[in-house]
Structures are given as structure tokens and as C-alpha cells.
Amino acid sequence: MAMKTTFLVQTFVLKRKRLVPGDRQVSTTSSAALKRAEAMAARMPGTAALQIVADDETGELESAAILGQFGEVPDDFAESLQAA
């Protein structure tokens, strides 16, 4: 059971006046994810930098943490990460 940490930037877009998840981009480090999320927030309604820890073999999620949020992010986004 090998655990793998992945850093992601999750974008949010407006569809029918609601914020919904857009594209995700993988980053190499937590600081790179934060910098990318902050830069992308200038062009998007909102972004979040995430740290995901999962089993490399089974894909089972161990933990998900928000490293930073920029712009508009859905109110229930943090709760939805914990439920996943």
C-alpha cells in the first residue's frame, strides 16, 4: 500500500449563474499549486489549490486538503472534499 500525494489546482466556472467545478491541473509541489491557483484566479471566477493523498495501487482516497482558495469558491466545496 503505497501512498501518493498529488497537488491539484481546481478551477470553478459559472454555469447558469452557479459556480461549478471546471478543469483540474496537476502541479509538482504545494507551492507551485498555490502560485498557479492564485494566477489563474485572475482569469476564472475562482480556484483552489488541493493536496490529495491516495493509495497508488487502489486509488482509495486517504485525505484531501485545501491549501488555498482564490476568488469565488462554492460554499460547500470543503464539505464535498471530506465526503469524497
C-alpha atoms as a PDB file:
ATOM      1  CA  MET A   1       0.000   0.000   0.000  1.00  0.00           C
ATOM      2  CA  ALA A   2       1.970   2.962  -1.341  1.00  0.00           C
ATOM      3  CA  MET A   3       0.516   6.363  -0.593  1.00  0.00           C
ATOM      4  CA  LYS A   4       0.935   9.071  -3.214  1.00  0.00           C
ATOM      5  CA  THR A   5       0.497  12.800  -2.687  1.00  0.00           C
ATOM      6  CA  THR A   6      -0.818  14.832  -5.601  1.00  0.00           C
ATOM      7  CA  PHE A   7      -1.173  18.591  -5.789  1.00  0.00           C
ATOM      8  CA  LEU A   8      -4.035  19.935  -7.909  1.00  0.00           C
ATOM      9  CA  VAL A   9      -5.485  23.249  -8.967  1.00  0.00           C
ATOM     10  CA  GLN A  10      -9.277  23.074  -9.263  1.00  0.00           C
ATOM     11  CA  THR A  11     -10.928  25.843 -11.258  1.00  0.00           C
ATOM     12  CA  PHE A  12     -14.524  26.989 -10.916  1.00  0.00           C
ATOM     13  CA  VAL A  13     -16.683  28.413 -13.702  1.00  0.00           C
ATOM     14  CA  LEU A  14     -20.126  29.985 -13.803  1.00  0.00           C
ATOM     15  CA  LYS A  15     -22.869  27.941 -15.475  1.00  0.00           C
ATOM     16  CA  ARG A  16     -26.430  29.157 -15.237  1.00  0.00           C
ATOM     17  CA  LYS A  17     -25.399  31.607 -12.515  1.00  0.00           C
ATOM     18  CA  ARG A  18     -23.920  28.805 -10.351  1.00  0.00           C
ATOM     19  CA  LEU A  19     -20.306  28.006  -9.574  1.00  0.00           C
ATOM     20  CA  VAL A  20     -19.385  24.548 -10.802  1.00  0.00           C
ATOM     21  CA  PRO A  21     -16.032  22.733 -10.991  1.00  0.00           C
ATOM     22  CA  GLY A  22     -14.072  23.380 -14.158  1.00  0.00           C
ATOM     23  CA  ASP A  23     -10.715  21.961 -15.221  1.00  0.00           C
ATOM     24  CA  ARG A  24      -8.130  20.450 -12.898  1.00  0.00           C
ATOM     25  CA  GLN A  25      -4.398  20.806 -13.359  1.00  0.00           C
ATOM     26  CA  VAL A  26      -1.702  18.791 -11.613  1.00  0.00           C
ATOM     27  CA  SER A  27       1.215  20.651 -10.004  1.00  0.00           C
ATOM     28  CA  THR A  28       4.534  19.270  -8.819  1.00  0.00           C
ATOM     29  CA  THR A  29       4.619  20.904  -5.360  1.00  0.00           C
ATOM     30  CA  SER A  30       2.279  22.601  -2.935  1.00  0.00           C
ATOM     31  CA  SER A  31       3.862  25.997  -3.564  1.00  0.00           C
ATOM     32  CA  ALA A  32       3.529  25.533  -7.337  1.00  0.00           C
ATOM     33  CA  ALA A  33      -0.154  24.670  -6.893  1.00  0.00           C
ATOM     34  CA  LEU A  34      -0.731  27.770  -4.762  1.00  0.00           C
ATOM     35  CA  LYS A  35       1.060  30.049  -7.239  1.00  0.00           C
ATOM     36  CA  ARG A  36      -0.822  28.579 -10.197  1.00  0.00           C
ATOM     37  CA  ALA A  37      -4.191  28.825  -8.432  1.00  0.00           C
ATOM     38  CA  GLU A  38      -3.559  32.450  -7.499  1.00  0.00           C
ATOM     39  CA  ALA A  39      -2.512  33.334 -11.046  1.00  0.00           C
ATOM     40  CA  MET A  40      -5.463  31.517 -12.631  1.00  0.00           C
ATOM     41  CA  ALA A  41      -7.931  33.264 -10.315  1.00  0.00           C
ATOM     42  CA  ALA A  42      -7.359  36.446 -12.323  1.00  0.00           C
ATOM     43  CA  ARG A  43      -8.953  34.726 -15.352  1.00  0.00           C
ATOM     44  CA  MET A  44     -11.509  32.490 -13.622  1.00  0.00           C
ATOM     45  CA  PRO A  45     -14.298  33.163 -11.121  1.00  0.00           C
ATOM     46  CA  GLY A  46     -12.391  31.072  -8.573  1.00  0.00           C
ATOM     47  CA  THR A  47      -9.689  28.475  -7.969  1.00  0.00           C
ATOM     48  CA  ALA A  48      -8.483  26.219  -5.174  1.00  0.00           C
ATOM     49  CA  ALA A  49      -5.135  24.526  -4.575  1.00  0.00           C
ATOM     50  CA  LEU A  50      -5.552  20.998  -3.202  1.00  0.00           C
ATOM     51  CA  GLN A  51      -3.397  18.281  -1.675  1.00  0.00           C
ATOM     52  CA  ILE A  52      -4.728  14.783  -2.312  1.00  0.00           C
ATOM     53  CA  VAL A  53      -3.271  11.687  -0.618  1.00  0.00           C
ATOM     54  CA  ALA A  54      -4.403   8.384  -2.107  1.00  0.00           C
ATOM     55  CA  ASP A  55      -3.319   4.758  -2.327  1.00  0.00           C
ATOM     56  CA  ASP A  56      -1.279   4.482  -5.527  1.00  0.00           C
ATOM     57  CA  GLU A  57      -2.488   0.936  -6.222  1.00  0.00           C
ATOM     58  CA  THR A  58      -6.200   1.052  -5.397  1.00  0.00           C
ATOM     59  CA  GLY A  59      -6.863   4.769  -5.854  1.00  0.00           C
ATOM     60  CA  GLU A  60      -8.580   4.864  -2.448  1.00  0.00           C
ATOM     61  CA  LEU A  61      -8.611   8.397  -1.059  1.00  0.00           C
ATOM     62  CA  GLU A  62      -6.779   8.821   2.246  1.00  0.00           C
ATOM     63  CA  SER A  63      -7.194  12.580   2.654  1.00  0.00           C
ATOM     64  CA  ALA A  64      -7.914  15.783   0.763  1.00  0.00           C
ATOM     65  CA  ALA A  65      -6.954  19.237   1.996  1.00  0.00           C
ATOM     66  CA  ILE A  66      -7.469  22.726   0.624  1.00  0.00           C
ATOM     67  CA  LEU A  67      -4.129  24.541   0.586  1.00  0.00           C
ATOM     68  CA  GLY A  68      -5.626  27.833  -0.570  1.00  0.00           C
ATOM     69  CA  GLN A  69      -8.702  29.393  -2.196  1.00  0.00           C
ATOM     70  CA  PHE A  70      -8.765  32.390  -4.523  1.00  0.00           C
ATOM     71  CA  GLY A  71     -11.766  34.246  -5.902  1.00  0.00           C
ATOM     72  CA  GLU A  72     -15.203  32.651  -5.624  1.00  0.00           C
ATOM     73  CA  VAL A  73     -15.396  29.041  -4.455  1.00  0.00           C
ATOM     74  CA  PRO A  74     -18.682  27.217  -3.715  1.00  0.00           C
ATOM     75  CA  ASP A  75     -19.669  27.363  -0.041  1.00  0.00           C
ATOM     76  CA  ASP A  76     -19.931  23.572   0.204  1.00  0.00           C
ATOM     77  CA  PHE A  77     -16.631  22.830  -1.566  1.00  0.00           C
ATOM     78  CA  ALA A  78     -14.717  21.925   1.636  1.00  0.00           C
ATOM     79  CA  GLU A  79     -17.560  19.658   2.765  1.00  0.00           C
ATOM     80  CA  SER A  80     -17.673  17.908  -0.610  1.00  0.00           C
ATOM     81  CA  LEU A  81     -13.959  17.088  -0.325  1.00  0.00           C
ATOM     82  CA  GLN A  82     -14.464  15.419   3.043  1.00  0.00           C
ATOM     83  CA  ALA A  83     -17.360  13.349   1.685  1.00  0.00           C
ATOM     84  CA  ALA A  84     -15.321  12.069  -1.265  1.00  0.00           C
END
